[in-house]
Amino acid sequence: MMKVTLDLSCSICGHTQFQLPTRADEGSKVCCANCTAFKCHAMDLERALMAIGQPRPSPRPAIAA
């Protein structure tokens, strides 16, 4: 497990540090590093972080008529 600070907070204790699994035998649950409450699954967190990092399409200029 790896302890990291995320821009999230635990809904139970408000802590912002979480335990992330780093090996397959540790499971897939991301838990609060303070009270061990379940936050989400690692794959869901990874998908959310990847979506945040995706460049947004630039708006197309309007075509003058």
PDB file of N, CA and C in Angstrom:
ATOM      1  N   MET A   1       0.847  -1.184   0.000  1.00  0.00           N
ATOM      2  CA  MET A   1       0.000   0.000   0.000  1.00  0.00           C
ATOM      3  C   MET A   1       0.885   1.238   0.000  1.00  0.00           C
ATOM      4  N   MET A   2       0.374   2.269  -0.656  1.00  0.00           N
ATOM      5  CA  MET A   2       1.080   3.544  -0.729  1.00  0.00           C
ATOM      6  C   MET A   2       0.163   4.602  -0.123  1.00  0.00           C
ATOM      7  N   LYS A   3       0.694   5.412   0.773  1.00  0.00           N
ATOM      8  CA  LYS A   3      -0.072   6.483   1.400  1.00  0.00           C
ATOM      9  C   LYS A   3       0.120   7.755   0.594  1.00  0.00           C
ATOM     10  N   VAL A   4      -0.983   8.351   0.104  1.00  0.00           N
ATOM     11  CA  VAL A   4      -0.914   9.554  -0.714  1.00  0.00           C
ATOM     12  C   VAL A   4      -1.939  10.582  -0.245  1.00  0.00           C
ATOM     13  N   THR A   5      -1.648  11.837  -0.513  1.00  0.00           N
ATOM     14  CA  THR A   5      -2.587  12.913  -0.234  1.00  0.00           C
ATOM     15  C   THR A   5      -3.318  13.221  -1.533  1.00  0.00           C
ATOM     16  N   LEU A   6      -4.638  13.209  -1.476  1.00  0.00           N
ATOM     17  CA  LEU A   6      -5.462  13.482  -2.657  1.00  0.00           C
ATOM     18  C   LEU A   6      -6.314  14.717  -2.410  1.00  0.00           C
ATOM     19  N   ASP A   7      -6.803  15.308  -3.461  1.00  0.00           N
ATOM     20  CA  ASP A   7      -7.708  16.437  -3.350  1.00  0.00           C
ATOM     21  C   ASP A   7      -9.128  15.905  -3.151  1.00  0.00           C
ATOM     22  N   LEU A   8      -9.252  15.031  -2.188  1.00  0.00           N
ATOM     23  CA  LEU A   8     -10.517  14.420  -1.775  1.00  0.00           C
ATOM     24  C   LEU A   8     -10.507  14.420  -0.260  1.00  0.00           C
ATOM     25  N   SER A   9     -11.634  14.211   0.334  1.00  0.00           N
ATOM     26  CA  SER A   9     -11.652  14.050   1.781  1.00  0.00           C
ATOM     27  C   SER A   9     -12.533  12.863   2.140  1.00  0.00           C
ATOM     28  N   CYS A  10     -12.173  12.228   3.241  1.00  0.00           N
ATOM     29  CA  CYS A  10     -12.934  11.082   3.729  1.00  0.00           C
ATOM     30  C   CYS A  10     -14.287  11.570   4.229  1.00  0.00           C
ATOM     31  N   SER A  11     -15.356  10.910   3.855  1.00  0.00           N
ATOM     32  CA  SER A  11     -16.693  11.319   4.284  1.00  0.00           C
ATOM     33  C   SER A  11     -16.949  10.982   5.753  1.00  0.00           C
ATOM     34  N   ILE A  12     -16.083  10.166   6.356  1.00  0.00           N
ATOM     35  CA  ILE A  12     -16.245   9.794   7.758  1.00  0.00           C
ATOM     36  C   ILE A  12     -15.473  10.742   8.677  1.00  0.00           C
ATOM     37  N   CYS A  13     -14.156  10.924   8.403  1.00  0.00           N
ATOM     38  CA  CYS A  13     -13.320  11.708   9.328  1.00  0.00           C
ATOM     39  C   CYS A  13     -12.751  12.991   8.715  1.00  0.00           C
ATOM     40  N   GLY A  14     -12.911  13.202   7.396  1.00  0.00           N
ATOM     41  CA  GLY A  14     -12.440  14.409   6.749  1.00  0.00           C
ATOM     42  C   GLY A  14     -10.965  14.403   6.367  1.00  0.00           C
ATOM     43  N   HIS A  15     -10.270  13.307   6.629  1.00  0.00           N
ATOM     44  CA  HIS A  15      -8.841  13.194   6.321  1.00  0.00           C
ATOM     45  C   HIS A  15      -8.633  13.234   4.808  1.00  0.00           C
ATOM     46  N   THR A  16      -7.457  13.703   4.353  1.00  0.00           N
ATOM     47  CA  THR A  16      -7.188  13.808   2.923  1.00  0.00           C
ATOM     48  C   THR A  16      -6.097  12.863   2.448  1.00  0.00           C
ATOM     49  N   GLN A  17      -5.634  11.975   3.325  1.00  0.00           N
ATOM     50  CA  GLN A  17      -4.640  10.991   2.909  1.00  0.00           C
ATOM     51  C   GLN A  17      -5.312   9.628   2.796  1.00  0.00           C
ATOM     52  N   PHE A  18      -4.906   8.905   1.748  1.00  0.00           N
ATOM     53  CA  PHE A  18      -5.523   7.625   1.450  1.00  0.00           C
ATOM     54  C   PHE A  18      -4.464   6.569   1.192  1.00  0.00           C
ATOM     55  N   GLN A  19      -4.832   5.320   1.409  1.00  0.00           N
ATOM     56  CA  GLN A  19      -3.974   4.179   1.124  1.00  0.00           C
ATOM     57  C   GLN A  19      -4.373   3.631  -0.243  1.00  0.00           C
ATOM     58  N   LEU A  20      -3.412   3.597  -1.168  1.00  0.00           N
ATOM     59  CA  LEU A  20      -3.651   3.051  -2.506  1.00  0.00           C
ATOM     60  C   LEU A  20      -2.968   1.700  -2.615  1.00  0.00           C
ATOM     61  N   PRO A  21      -3.643   0.705  -3.167  1.00  0.00           N
ATOM     62  CA  PRO A  21      -2.991  -0.594  -3.367  1.00  0.00           C
ATOM     63  C   PRO A  21      -1.934  -0.489  -4.463  1.00  0.00           C
ATOM     64  N   THR A  22      -0.796  -1.142  -4.245  1.00  0.00           N
ATOM     65  CA  THR A  22       0.272  -1.110  -5.240  1.00  0.00           C
ATOM     66  C   THR A  22       0.566  -2.486  -5.819  1.00  0.00           C
ATOM     67  N   ARG A  23       0.028  -3.531  -5.201  1.00  0.00           N
ATOM     68  CA  ARG A  23       0.225  -4.900  -5.697  1.00  0.00           C
ATOM     69  C   ARG A  23      -1.134  -5.586  -5.802  1.00  0.00           C
ATOM     70  N   ALA A  24      -1.217  -6.559  -6.680  1.00  0.00           N
ATOM     71  CA  ALA A  24      -2.487  -7.270  -6.904  1.00  0.00           C
ATOM     72  C   ALA A  24      -2.987  -7.952  -5.636  1.00  0.00           C
ATOM     73  N   ASP A  25      -2.078  -8.461  -4.812  1.00  0.00           N
ATOM     74  CA  ASP A  25      -2.511  -9.179  -3.610  1.00  0.00           C
ATOM     75  C   ASP A  25      -3.050  -8.246  -2.517  1.00  0.00           C
ATOM     76  N   GLU A  26      -2.980  -6.937  -2.718  1.00  0.00           N
ATOM     77  CA  GLU A  26      -3.518  -5.972  -1.758  1.00  0.00           C
ATOM     78  C   GLU A  26      -4.974  -5.628  -2.052  1.00  0.00           C
ATOM     79  N   GLY A  27      -5.526  -6.156  -3.121  1.00  0.00           N
ATOM     80  CA  GLY A  27      -6.903  -5.860  -3.491  1.00  0.00           C
ATOM     81  C   GLY A  27      -6.982  -4.598  -4.327  1.00  0.00           C
ATOM     82  N   SER A  28      -8.166  -4.012  -4.403  1.00  0.00           N
ATOM     83  CA  SER A  28      -8.351  -2.833  -5.253  1.00  0.00           C
ATOM     84  C   SER A  28      -9.011  -1.674  -4.524  1.00  0.00           C
ATOM     85  N   LYS A  29      -9.160  -1.768  -3.205  1.00  0.00           N
ATOM     86  CA  LYS A  29      -9.863  -0.731  -2.459  1.00  0.00           C
ATOM     87  C   LYS A  29      -8.934   0.404  -2.051  1.00  0.00           C
ATOM     88  N   VAL A  30      -9.390   1.628  -2.294  1.00  0.00           N
ATOM     89  CA  VAL A  30      -8.717   2.834  -1.818  1.00  0.00           C
ATOM     90  C   VAL A  30      -9.410   3.195  -0.511  1.00  0.00           C
ATOM     91  N   CYS A  31      -8.622   3.283   0.570  1.00  0.00           N
ATOM     92  CA  CYS A  31      -9.184   3.533   1.890  1.00  0.00           C
ATOM     93  C   CYS A  31      -8.531   4.736   2.548  1.00  0.00           C
ATOM     94  N   CYS A  32      -9.244   5.370   3.470  1.00  0.00           N
ATOM     95  CA  CYS A  32      -8.719   6.485   4.245  1.00  0.00           C
ATOM     96  C   CYS A  32      -7.530   6.003   5.066  1.00  0.00           C
ATOM     97  N   ALA A  33      -6.449   6.761   5.059  1.00  0.00           N
ATOM     98  CA  ALA A  33      -5.260   6.398   5.828  1.00  0.00           C
ATOM     99  C   ALA A  33      -5.461   6.639   7.318  1.00  0.00           C
ATOM    100  N   ASN A  34      -6.480   7.389   7.684  1.00  0.00           N
ATOM    101  CA  ASN A  34      -6.730   7.699   9.086  1.00  0.00           C
ATOM    102  C   ASN A  34      -7.703   6.708   9.730  1.00  0.00           C
ATOM    103  N   CYS A  35      -8.884   6.540   9.146  1.00  0.00           N
ATOM    104  CA  CYS A  35      -9.911   5.692   9.776  1.00  0.00           C
ATOM    105  C   CYS A  35     -10.175   4.403   8.997  1.00  0.00           C
ATOM    106  N   THR A  36      -9.500   4.208   7.888  1.00  0.00           N
ATOM    107  CA  THR A  36      -9.594   3.032   6.998  1.00  0.00           C
ATOM    108  C   THR A  36     -10.955   2.858   6.316  1.00  0.00           C
ATOM    109  N   ALA A  37     -11.769   3.917   6.294  1.00  0.00           N
ATOM    110  CA  ALA A  37     -13.060   3.836   5.599  1.00  0.00           C
ATOM    111  C   ALA A  37     -12.819   3.669   4.093  1.00  0.00           C
ATOM    112  N   PHE A  38     -13.637   2.838   3.455  1.00  0.00           N
ATOM    113  CA  PHE A  38     -13.559   2.608   2.016  1.00  0.00           C
ATOM    114  C   PHE A  38     -13.956   3.873   1.265  1.00  0.00           C
ATOM    115  N   LYS A  39     -13.133   4.285   0.276  1.00  0.00           N
ATOM    116  CA  LYS A  39     -13.454   5.460  -0.539  1.00  0.00           C
ATOM    117  C   LYS A  39     -13.938   5.045  -1.925  1.00  0.00           C
ATOM    118  N   CYS A  40     -13.149   4.239  -2.636  1.00  0.00           N
ATOM    119  CA  CYS A  40     -13.508   3.804  -3.982  1.00  0.00           C
ATOM    120  C   CYS A  40     -12.571   2.683  -4.401  1.00  0.00           C
ATOM    121  N   HIS A  41     -12.770   2.171  -5.590  1.00  0.00           N
ATOM    122  CA  HIS A  41     -11.858   1.170  -6.141  1.00  0.00           C
ATOM    123  C   HIS A  41     -10.761   1.892  -6.924  1.00  0.00           C
ATOM    124  N   ALA A  42      -9.570   1.321  -6.922  1.00  0.00           N
ATOM    125  CA  ALA A  42      -8.411   1.942  -7.562  1.00  0.00           C
ATOM    126  C   ALA A  42      -8.669   2.229  -9.042  1.00  0.00           C
ATOM    127  N   MET A  43      -9.322   1.335  -9.746  1.00  0.00           N
ATOM    128  CA  MET A  43      -9.572   1.526 -11.174  1.00  0.00           C
ATOM    129  C   MET A  43     -10.506   2.711 -11.406  1.00  0.00           C
ATOM    130  N   ASP A  44     -11.506   2.897 -10.539  1.00  0.00           N
ATOM    131  CA  ASP A  44     -12.403   4.049 -10.667  1.00  0.00           C
ATOM    132  C   ASP A  44     -11.645   5.347 -10.447  1.00  0.00           C
ATOM    133  N   LEU A  45     -10.736   5.361  -9.470  1.00  0.00           N
ATOM    134  CA  LEU A  45      -9.922   6.542  -9.209  1.00  0.00           C
ATOM    135  C   LEU A  45      -9.009   6.826 -10.397  1.00  0.00           C
ATOM    136  N   GLU A  46      -8.422   5.786 -10.957  1.00  0.00           N
ATOM    137  CA  GLU A  46      -7.540   5.951 -12.117  1.00  0.00           C
ATOM    138  C   GLU A  46      -8.299   6.524 -13.310  1.00  0.00           C
ATOM    139  N   ARG A  47      -9.503   6.019 -13.562  1.00  0.00           N
ATOM    140  CA  ARG A  47     -10.321   6.536 -14.674  1.00  0.00           C
ATOM    141  C   ARG A  47     -10.649   8.017 -14.473  1.00  0.00           C
ATOM    142  N   ALA A  48     -11.000   8.385 -13.237  1.00  0.00           N
ATOM    143  CA  ALA A  48     -11.343   9.780 -12.946  1.00  0.00           C
ATOM    144  C   ALA A  48     -10.133  10.684 -13.142  1.00  0.00           C
ATOM    145  N   LEU A  49      -8.958  10.243 -12.690  1.00  0.00           N
ATOM    146  CA  LEU A  49      -7.753  11.051 -12.851  1.00  0.00           C
ATOM    147  C   LEU A  49      -7.356  11.179 -14.315  1.00  0.00           C
ATOM    148  N   MET A  50      -7.539  10.113 -15.088  1.00  0.00           N
ATOM    149  CA  MET A  50      -7.227  10.173 -16.513  1.00  0.00           C
ATOM    150  C   MET A  50      -8.178  11.127 -17.227  1.00  0.00           C
ATOM    151  N   ALA A  51      -9.440  11.136 -16.851  1.00  0.00           N
ATOM    152  CA  ALA A  51     -10.418  12.029 -17.476  1.00  0.00           C
ATOM    153  C   ALA A  51     -10.084  13.487 -17.181  1.00  0.00           C
ATOM    154  N   ILE A  52      -9.586  13.759 -15.984  1.00  0.00           N
ATOM    155  CA  ILE A  52      -9.212  15.125 -15.626  1.00  0.00           C
ATOM    156  C   ILE A  52      -8.028  15.579 -16.467  1.00  0.00           C
ATOM    157  N   GLY A  53      -7.106  14.661 -16.753  1.00  0.00           N
ATOM    158  CA  GLY A  53      -5.899  14.999 -17.500  1.00  0.00           C
ATOM    159  C   GLY A  53      -6.086  15.079 -19.001  1.00  0.00           C
ATOM    160  N   GLN A  54      -7.222  14.671 -19.514  1.00  0.00           N
ATOM    161  CA  GLN A  54      -7.472  14.718 -20.959  1.00  0.00           C
ATOM    162  C   GLN A  54      -7.586  16.162 -21.423  1.00  0.00           C
ATOM    163  N   PRO A  55      -6.916  16.509 -22.519  1.00  0.00           N
ATOM    164  CA  PRO A  55      -7.073  17.877 -23.032  1.00  0.00           C
ATOM    165  C   PRO A  55      -8.501  18.075 -23.538  1.00  0.00           C
ATOM    166  N   ARG A  56      -9.017  19.223 -23.254  1.00  0.00           N
ATOM    167  CA  ARG A  56     -10.376  19.530 -23.707  1.00  0.00           C
ATOM    168  C   ARG A  56     -10.323  20.022 -25.141  1.00  0.00           C
ATOM    169  N   PRO A  57     -11.293  19.648 -25.967  1.00  0.00           N
ATOM    170  CA  PRO A  57     -11.295  20.125 -27.354  1.00  0.00           C
ATOM    171  C   PRO A  57     -11.486  21.632 -27.373  1.00  0.00           C
ATOM    172  N   SER A  58     -10.736  22.291 -28.243  1.00  0.00           N
ATOM    173  CA  SER A  58     -10.868  23.746 -28.335  1.00  0.00           C
ATOM    174  C   SER A  58     -12.136  24.086 -29.130  1.00  0.00           C
ATOM    175  N   PRO A  59     -12.800  25.149 -28.750  1.00  0.00           N
ATOM    176  CA  PRO A  59     -14.025  25.517 -29.484  1.00  0.00           C
ATOM    177  C   PRO A  59     -13.695  25.937 -30.903  1.00  0.00           C
ATOM    178  N   ARG A  60     -14.532  25.550 -31.823  1.00  0.00           N
ATOM    179  CA  ARG A  60     -14.344  25.904 -33.226  1.00  0.00           C
ATOM    180  C   ARG A  60     -14.878  27.310 -33.469  1.00  0.00           C
ATOM    181  N   PRO A  61     -14.160  28.092 -34.263  1.00  0.00           N
ATOM    182  CA  PRO A  61     -14.686  29.446 -34.554  1.00  0.00           C
ATOM    183  C   PRO A  61     -15.958  29.342 -35.391  1.00  0.00           C
ATOM    184  N   ALA A  62     -16.812  30.314 -35.185  1.00  0.00           N
ATOM    185  CA  ALA A  62     -18.069  30.344 -35.946  1.00  0.00           C
ATOM    186  C   ALA A  62     -17.776  30.661 -37.396  1.00  0.00           C
ATOM    187  N   ILE A  63     -18.526  30.041 -38.269  1.00  0.00           N
ATOM    188  CA  ILE A  63     -18.363  30.278 -39.711  1.00  0.00           C
ATOM    189  C   ILE A  63     -19.183  31.513 -40.086  1.00  0.00           C
ATOM    190  N   ALA A  64     -18.489  32.486 -40.697  1.00  0.00           N
ATOM    191  CA  ALA A  64     -19.176  33.716 -41.115  1.00  0.00           C
ATOM    192  C   ALA A  64     -19.995  33.438 -42.370  1.00  0.00           C
ATOM    193  N   ALA A  65     -21.194  33.925 -42.386  1.00  0.00           N
ATOM    194  CA  ALA A  65     -22.075  33.693 -43.527  1.00  0.00           C
ATOM    195  C   ALA A  65     -22.102  34.843 -44.468  1.00  0.00           C
TER     196      ALA A  65
END
